[in-house]
Amino acid sequence: MTGWLTAPIRTTRTTATRERSSPICTASRARTEYKESYLARIGGIDQWICVRGQDRDNPIILFVHGGPASPLIPTLWQFQRPLEEYFTVVNYDQRGGGRTHRANDPDSVAATIHIAQYVSDAIELAESIIPRYGARKLVLMGHSWGTVIALQAALARPELFHAYVGIGQIINTKTNEELSFTYGLEQARQTNNTEAIKEMETIAPYPGETPITREYTPEDVDAIDEGNEFTLGKVLDEFLEVDFTGVSRFPIPVLMFMGRHDYTTPSEPTAAWLEAVEAPYKRRVWFENSAHLVPFEEPGKTLLSLVEYVRPLTDPVSVGDTGAPD
């Protein structure tokens, strides 16, 4: 399914505190560092937030993870540490995902599993982060499924954000699924994988018009699969209707980080959309050695691209030319 983020998971125990109005963060290095994990009341439920950064004066990224319900926090160790030298990075387990799934009664959350609610959650979280950490605005970054949420949040509340960065951006879900299916079937035919060909041809044309069904402790890791199963069936029909092809103007700087070999959320529709959209600043960055998991596959280039192209946009006088291809 489009947008699933899968990566090796190692578990670590962290000290968590419920949100309250006491002094923020556990700081070190002369009180310059953010490193905290806490529960916050967002959208009427408890949601887990993780904040890490080495300098309080750095700009803040709000990262909206993929999935649905595939939390990024347990895999941050694989790529995020260098980013924390240049940005404070805020990650959160979305409703129905990871530790947030464990923190709430699933029956009380089930009726709220809608894209509009995820967008509202992201906006509410951004609104809470800005005063909590003394920021003027945030950089909003989404991956895969998270781009559906984050792009809509940027369109709805552009005044909250310096810029938007899409990684594995979804423009039209059905187009992505068709491209992914076609690529998979071509690969099966090239390798003469008769079993795969037979299975895939039974559901062709795909996706068609037929509805489709379908820092962590060990317990937290178990909750990832539980959250996937809980969330996907409830949000899939809405997800398949996502279509940003009609968005011709974008209110803030927009950057797309695109894996050249991404056939989970294929990059061609994103590149075409970015070419056509009007924005105060736009830039496409190709990751030639990546598929869908750009931050994991090319962490060095991810870091350099964020520092070179995104960090300057947090300066209020920096926005200028339209970005050229990388």
Protein backbone atom coordinates (compact mmCIF):
# COMPACT_ATOMS: atom_id res chain seq x y z
CA MET A 1 0.00 0.00 0.00
CA THR A 2 1.16 3.48 -0.83
CA GLY A 3 3.00 5.27 1.90
CA TRP A 4 3.96 2.43 4.21
CA LEU A 5 7.17 3.33 5.99
CA THR A 6 9.10 0.25 6.95
CA ALA A 7 12.56 0.31 8.48
CA PRO A 8 14.44 -1.71 11.10
CA ILE A 9 13.39 -0.80 14.62
CA ARG A 10 15.49 -0.69 17.75
CA THR A 11 13.87 0.08 21.03
CA THR A 12 15.00 2.50 23.69
CA ARG A 13 13.39 3.62 26.90
CA THR A 14 12.77 7.31 27.32
CA THR A 15 11.52 9.43 30.17
CA ALA A 16 8.10 10.80 29.35
CA THR A 17 6.14 13.61 30.94
CA ARG A 18 2.55 14.62 30.38
CA GLU A 19 2.08 18.09 28.94
CA ARG A 20 1.92 20.83 31.57
CA SER A 21 2.92 24.47 31.96
CA SER A 22 6.18 23.78 33.79
CA PRO A 23 9.60 24.75 32.34
CA ILE A 24 10.23 22.96 29.09
CA CYS A 25 12.73 20.29 28.10
CA THR A 26 15.66 18.56 29.65
CA ALA A 27 18.54 20.78 28.60
CA SER A 28 22.28 20.24 28.61
CA ARG A 29 25.37 21.90 27.11
CA ALA A 30 24.77 25.19 28.93
CA ARG A 31 21.00 24.86 28.46
CA THR A 32 21.12 24.96 24.68
CA GLU A 33 19.73 21.52 23.85
CA TYR A 34 16.18 20.24 23.44
CA LYS A 35 15.58 16.59 24.18
CA GLU A 36 12.14 15.62 25.42
CA SER A 37 9.29 13.22 24.88
CA TYR A 38 5.84 14.01 26.23
CA LEU A 39 2.11 13.48 25.87
CA ALA A 40 0.06 16.44 24.65
CA ARG A 41 -3.69 16.79 24.30
CA ILE A 42 -4.15 17.32 20.57
CA GLY A 43 -7.47 17.00 18.79
CA GLY A 44 -9.17 15.76 21.93
CA ILE A 45 -6.82 12.79 22.48
CA ASP A 46 -3.36 12.20 23.96
CA GLN A 47 -0.62 12.22 21.31
CA TRP A 48 3.07 11.45 21.81
CA ILE A 49 5.52 14.20 20.88
CA CYS A 50 9.31 13.87 20.54
CA VAL A 51 11.50 16.98 20.31
CA ARG A 52 15.24 16.88 19.68
CA GLY A 53 17.75 19.57 18.76
CA GLN A 54 21.16 20.83 19.87
CA ASP A 55 20.57 24.59 19.77
CA ARG A 56 17.47 26.45 20.90
CA ASP A 57 18.16 29.19 18.35
CA ASN A 58 17.89 26.80 15.40
CA PRO A 59 14.75 26.76 13.22
CA ILE A 60 12.15 24.09 14.00
CA ILE A 61 10.94 21.33 11.67
CA LEU A 62 7.58 19.68 12.29
CA PHE A 63 7.86 16.25 10.62
CA VAL A 64 4.60 14.46 9.71
CA HIS A 65 5.29 10.74 9.35
CA GLY A 66 4.09 8.26 6.75
CA GLY A 67 1.79 5.30 6.98
CA PRO A 68 -1.01 5.54 7.71
CA ALA A 69 0.05 4.84 11.29
CA SER A 70 3.76 4.20 10.66
CA PRO A 71 5.48 6.28 13.36
CA LEU A 72 8.94 7.63 12.68
CA ILE A 73 10.14 8.08 16.25
CA PRO A 74 11.53 4.54 16.76
CA THR A 75 13.74 4.89 13.67
CA LEU A 76 15.07 8.42 14.22
CA TRP A 77 18.46 7.04 15.25
CA GLN A 78 19.04 5.95 11.65
CA PHE A 79 19.19 9.44 10.14
CA GLN A 80 18.12 12.34 12.35
CA ARG A 81 21.09 12.95 14.66
CA PRO A 82 23.05 15.17 12.19
CA LEU A 83 19.91 17.19 11.40
CA GLU A 84 19.68 18.13 15.07
CA GLU A 85 22.83 20.26 14.73
CA TYR A 86 20.98 22.60 12.36
CA PHE A 87 17.31 22.20 13.28
CA THR A 88 15.13 21.35 16.23
CA VAL A 89 13.02 18.46 14.94
CA VAL A 90 9.53 17.70 16.25
CA ASN A 91 8.09 14.27 15.51
CA TYR A 92 4.80 12.86 16.76
CA ASP A 93 2.89 9.60 16.64
CA GLN A 94 -0.34 10.42 14.81
CA ARG A 95 -3.72 9.30 16.06
CA GLY A 96 -4.06 5.55 15.57
CA GLY A 97 -0.28 5.10 15.38
CA GLY A 98 2.41 3.78 17.72
CA ARG A 99 2.40 5.03 21.30
CA THR A 100 -0.49 7.38 20.58
CA HIS A 101 -2.55 4.33 19.69
CA ARG A 102 -1.63 2.75 23.02
CA ALA A 103 -2.36 5.94 24.96
CA ASN A 104 -6.04 6.10 23.94
CA ASP A 105 -9.09 3.85 23.92
CA PRO A 106 -9.35 2.69 20.29
CA ASP A 107 -13.13 2.67 20.45
CA SER A 108 -13.17 6.35 21.36
CA VAL A 109 -10.80 7.21 18.49
CA ALA A 110 -12.28 5.05 15.72
CA ALA A 111 -14.88 7.56 14.54
CA THR A 112 -12.23 10.30 14.22
CA ILE A 113 -9.99 8.48 11.73
CA HIS A 114 -10.47 10.89 8.85
CA ILE A 115 -7.96 12.90 6.85
CA ALA A 116 -9.54 16.19 7.90
CA GLN A 117 -8.94 15.30 11.55
CA TYR A 118 -5.28 14.48 10.89
CA VAL A 119 -4.90 17.86 9.20
CA SER A 120 -6.55 19.57 12.16
CA ASP A 121 -4.22 17.71 14.53
CA ALA A 122 -1.13 18.87 12.63
CA ILE A 123 -2.32 22.48 12.72
CA GLU A 124 -3.15 22.31 16.42
CA LEU A 125 0.25 20.79 17.16
CA ALA A 126 1.97 23.55 15.16
CA GLU A 127 0.01 26.15 17.07
CA SER A 128 1.19 24.66 20.35
CA ILE A 129 4.84 24.28 19.30
CA ILE A 130 5.32 27.91 18.25
CA PRO A 131 4.75 29.48 21.68
CA ARG A 132 6.20 26.54 23.60
CA TYR A 133 9.58 26.84 21.91
CA GLY A 134 9.50 30.56 21.18
CA ALA A 135 9.42 30.14 17.40
CA ARG A 136 8.11 32.64 14.88
CA LYS A 137 7.12 29.97 12.36
CA LEU A 138 7.94 26.33 11.58
CA VAL A 139 9.25 24.36 8.63
CA LEU A 140 6.58 21.78 7.80
CA MET A 141 7.89 18.49 6.39
CA GLY A 142 5.89 15.41 5.43
CA HIS A 143 6.77 11.94 4.19
CA SER A 144 4.51 9.78 2.01
CA TRP A 145 1.08 9.54 3.71
CA GLY A 146 2.24 12.45 5.87
CA THR A 147 2.43 14.66 2.76
CA VAL A 148 -1.34 14.35 2.37
CA ILE A 149 -1.77 15.81 5.85
CA ALA A 150 1.05 18.34 5.76
CA LEU A 151 0.31 19.83 2.35
CA GLN A 152 -3.30 20.45 3.36
CA ALA A 153 -2.15 21.98 6.65
CA ALA A 154 0.15 24.34 4.74
CA LEU A 155 -2.67 25.35 2.41
CA ALA A 156 -5.06 25.92 5.32
CA ARG A 157 -2.69 27.81 7.62
CA PRO A 158 0.28 29.15 5.63
CA GLU A 159 1.00 31.84 8.23
CA LEU A 160 2.29 29.14 10.60
CA PHE A 161 5.06 27.93 8.31
CA HIS A 162 8.28 29.19 6.74
CA ALA A 163 8.20 26.53 4.04
CA TYR A 164 6.86 23.12 3.11
CA VAL A 165 9.07 20.12 2.27
CA GLY A 166 7.46 17.05 0.70
CA ILE A 167 9.36 13.74 0.70
CA GLY A 168 7.71 11.02 -1.36
CA GLN A 169 4.94 13.51 -2.08
CA ILE A 170 1.50 12.21 -2.99
CA ILE A 171 -0.26 14.33 -5.62
CA ASN A 172 -2.91 11.86 -6.76
CA THR A 173 -3.21 8.54 -4.92
CA LYS A 174 -4.84 6.59 -7.73
CA THR A 175 -2.23 7.76 -10.24
CA ASN A 176 0.51 6.66 -7.86
CA GLU A 177 -1.08 3.26 -7.38
CA GLU A 178 -1.44 2.78 -11.14
CA LEU A 179 2.22 3.69 -11.75
CA SER A 180 3.39 1.43 -8.92
CA PHE A 181 1.29 -1.50 -10.18
CA THR A 182 2.51 -1.06 -13.76
CA TYR A 183 6.13 -0.99 -12.64
CA GLY A 184 5.68 -4.09 -10.47
CA LEU A 185 4.00 -6.04 -13.27
CA GLU A 186 6.75 -5.03 -15.73
CA GLN A 187 9.40 -6.25 -13.31
CA ALA A 188 7.58 -9.55 -12.83
CA ARG A 189 7.39 -10.08 -16.59
CA GLN A 190 11.07 -9.19 -17.12
CA THR A 191 12.11 -11.78 -14.53
CA ASN A 192 9.51 -14.32 -15.72
CA ASN A 193 7.96 -14.48 -12.24
CA THR A 194 4.87 -16.36 -13.36
CA GLU A 195 3.36 -16.59 -9.87
CA ALA A 196 3.55 -12.82 -9.38
CA ILE A 197 2.21 -12.17 -12.90
CA LYS A 198 -0.76 -14.41 -12.28
CA GLU A 199 -1.57 -12.80 -8.94
CA MET A 200 -1.26 -9.25 -10.25
CA GLU A 201 -3.32 -9.90 -13.35
CA THR A 202 -6.21 -11.11 -11.18
CA ILE A 203 -6.64 -7.56 -9.82
CA ALA A 204 -5.91 -5.67 -13.07
CA PRO A 205 -6.75 -2.97 -13.91
CA TYR A 206 -5.51 -1.61 -10.59
CA PRO A 207 -6.62 0.34 -8.63
CA GLY A 208 -9.78 0.52 -10.75
CA GLU A 209 -13.06 1.63 -9.21
CA THR A 210 -13.61 -1.28 -6.80
CA PRO A 211 -13.15 -0.34 -3.12
CA ILE A 212 -10.07 -1.89 -1.49
CA THR A 213 -10.21 -3.42 2.00
CA ARG A 214 -7.85 -4.32 3.82
CA GLU A 215 11.65 5.36 21.30
CA TYR A 216 9.91 2.35 21.89
CA THR A 217 9.47 -0.53 24.25
CA PRO A 218 8.60 -3.99 22.87
CA GLU A 219 4.96 -3.19 23.67
CA ASP A 220 5.23 0.04 21.69
CA VAL A 221 6.65 -1.88 18.72
CA ASP A 222 3.65 -4.24 18.84
CA ALA A 223 1.40 -1.18 18.74
CA ILE A 224 2.79 -0.20 15.32
CA ASP A 225 1.18 -3.20 13.62
CA GLU A 226 -1.95 -2.78 15.72
CA GLY A 227 -2.18 0.86 14.72
CA ASN A 228 -1.65 0.07 11.02
CA GLU A 229 -4.48 -2.42 11.04
CA PHE A 230 -6.70 -0.13 13.12
CA THR A 231 -6.19 2.92 10.92
CA LEU A 232 -5.88 1.71 7.33
CA GLY A 233 -9.33 0.22 6.92
CA LYS A 234 -10.94 3.37 8.28
CA VAL A 235 -9.06 5.90 6.16
CA LEU A 236 -8.35 4.01 2.92
CA ASP A 237 -11.40 5.15 0.94
CA GLU A 238 -10.62 8.81 1.69
CA PHE A 239 -6.95 8.23 0.94
CA LEU A 240 -7.75 6.90 -2.53
CA GLU A 241 -9.63 10.12 -3.32
CA VAL A 242 -6.68 12.41 -2.51
CA ASP A 243 -5.96 14.66 -5.49
CA PHE A 244 -3.86 17.83 -5.41
CA THR A 245 -3.69 18.25 -9.19
CA GLY A 246 -6.12 21.15 -8.91
CA VAL A 247 -3.83 23.13 -6.61
CA SER A 248 -2.29 25.70 -8.96
CA ARG A 249 -1.03 28.19 -6.36
CA PHE A 250 0.88 27.44 -3.16
CA PRO A 251 1.08 30.17 -0.52
CA ILE A 252 4.53 29.44 0.94
CA PRO A 253 7.89 28.15 -0.34
CA VAL A 254 7.57 24.52 -1.42
CA LEU A 255 10.36 21.98 -1.88
CA MET A 256 10.06 18.39 -3.05
CA PHE A 257 12.66 15.75 -2.16
CA MET A 258 12.15 13.00 -4.72
CA GLY A 259 13.64 9.52 -4.90
CA ARG A 260 14.59 8.67 -8.46
CA HIS A 261 13.58 5.02 -7.91
CA ASP A 262 10.43 5.61 -5.83
CA TYR A 263 7.60 3.37 -7.00
CA THR A 264 5.69 3.56 -3.72
CA THR A 265 4.82 7.21 -4.26
CA PRO A 266 6.22 7.71 -7.79
CA SER A 267 8.02 11.01 -8.28
CA GLU A 268 6.92 11.84 -11.84
CA PRO A 269 3.51 13.27 -10.83
CA THR A 270 5.18 15.32 -8.11
CA ALA A 271 7.76 16.74 -10.51
CA ALA A 272 5.01 17.67 -13.00
CA TRP A 273 2.91 19.32 -10.29
CA LEU A 274 5.86 21.31 -8.98
CA GLU A 275 6.73 22.50 -12.48
CA ALA A 276 3.21 23.89 -12.95
CA VAL A 277 2.39 25.29 -9.51
CA GLU A 278 2.92 28.97 -8.69
CA ALA A 279 4.71 29.60 -5.38
CA PRO A 280 6.90 32.31 -3.84
CA TYR A 281 9.80 29.83 -4.04
CA LYS A 282 9.99 26.27 -5.27
CA ARG A 283 12.75 23.72 -5.66
CA ARG A 284 12.95 20.10 -6.69
CA VAL A 285 15.75 17.97 -5.32
CA TRP A 286 16.35 14.58 -6.90
CA PHE A 287 17.88 11.79 -4.84
CA GLU A 288 19.44 9.59 -7.48
CA ASN A 289 20.21 6.67 -5.15
CA SER A 290 16.90 6.60 -3.29
CA ALA A 291 13.53 4.98 -3.65
CA HIS A 292 10.80 5.79 -1.09
CA LEU A 293 12.79 6.25 2.12
CA VAL A 294 14.94 9.22 1.16
CA PRO A 295 16.09 10.21 4.71
CA PHE A 296 17.25 6.63 5.36
CA GLU A 297 18.74 5.94 1.93
CA GLU A 298 20.62 9.23 1.48
CA PRO A 299 20.86 10.81 4.94
CA GLY A 300 23.87 12.92 4.00
CA LYS A 301 22.18 14.55 1.03
CA THR A 302 19.01 14.99 3.08
CA LEU A 303 21.01 16.93 5.65
CA LEU A 304 22.82 19.04 3.06
CA SER A 305 19.60 19.80 1.19
CA LEU A 306 17.79 20.92 4.34
CA VAL A 307 20.71 23.11 5.40
CA GLU A 308 21.34 24.60 1.95
CA TYR A 309 17.80 25.06 0.67
CA VAL A 310 15.42 25.04 3.67
CA ARG A 311 17.24 26.67 6.56
CA PRO A 312 17.76 29.98 4.68
CA LEU A 313 13.99 30.17 4.15
CA THR A 314 13.52 30.61 7.90
CA ASP A 315 15.21 33.99 7.57
CA PRO A 316 12.38 36.50 6.87
CA VAL A 317 14.39 38.29 4.15
CA SER A 318 15.66 35.19 2.38
CA VAL A 319 12.90 34.13 -0.03
CA GLY A 320 13.93 34.91 -3.56
CA ASP A 321 14.42 33.00 -6.76
CA THR A 322 12.54 29.98 -8.02
CA GLY A 323 14.59 26.85 -7.40
CA ALA A 324 16.23 25.10 -10.29
CA PRO A 325 16.72 21.33 -10.57
CA ASP A 326 19.26 19.81 -8.25
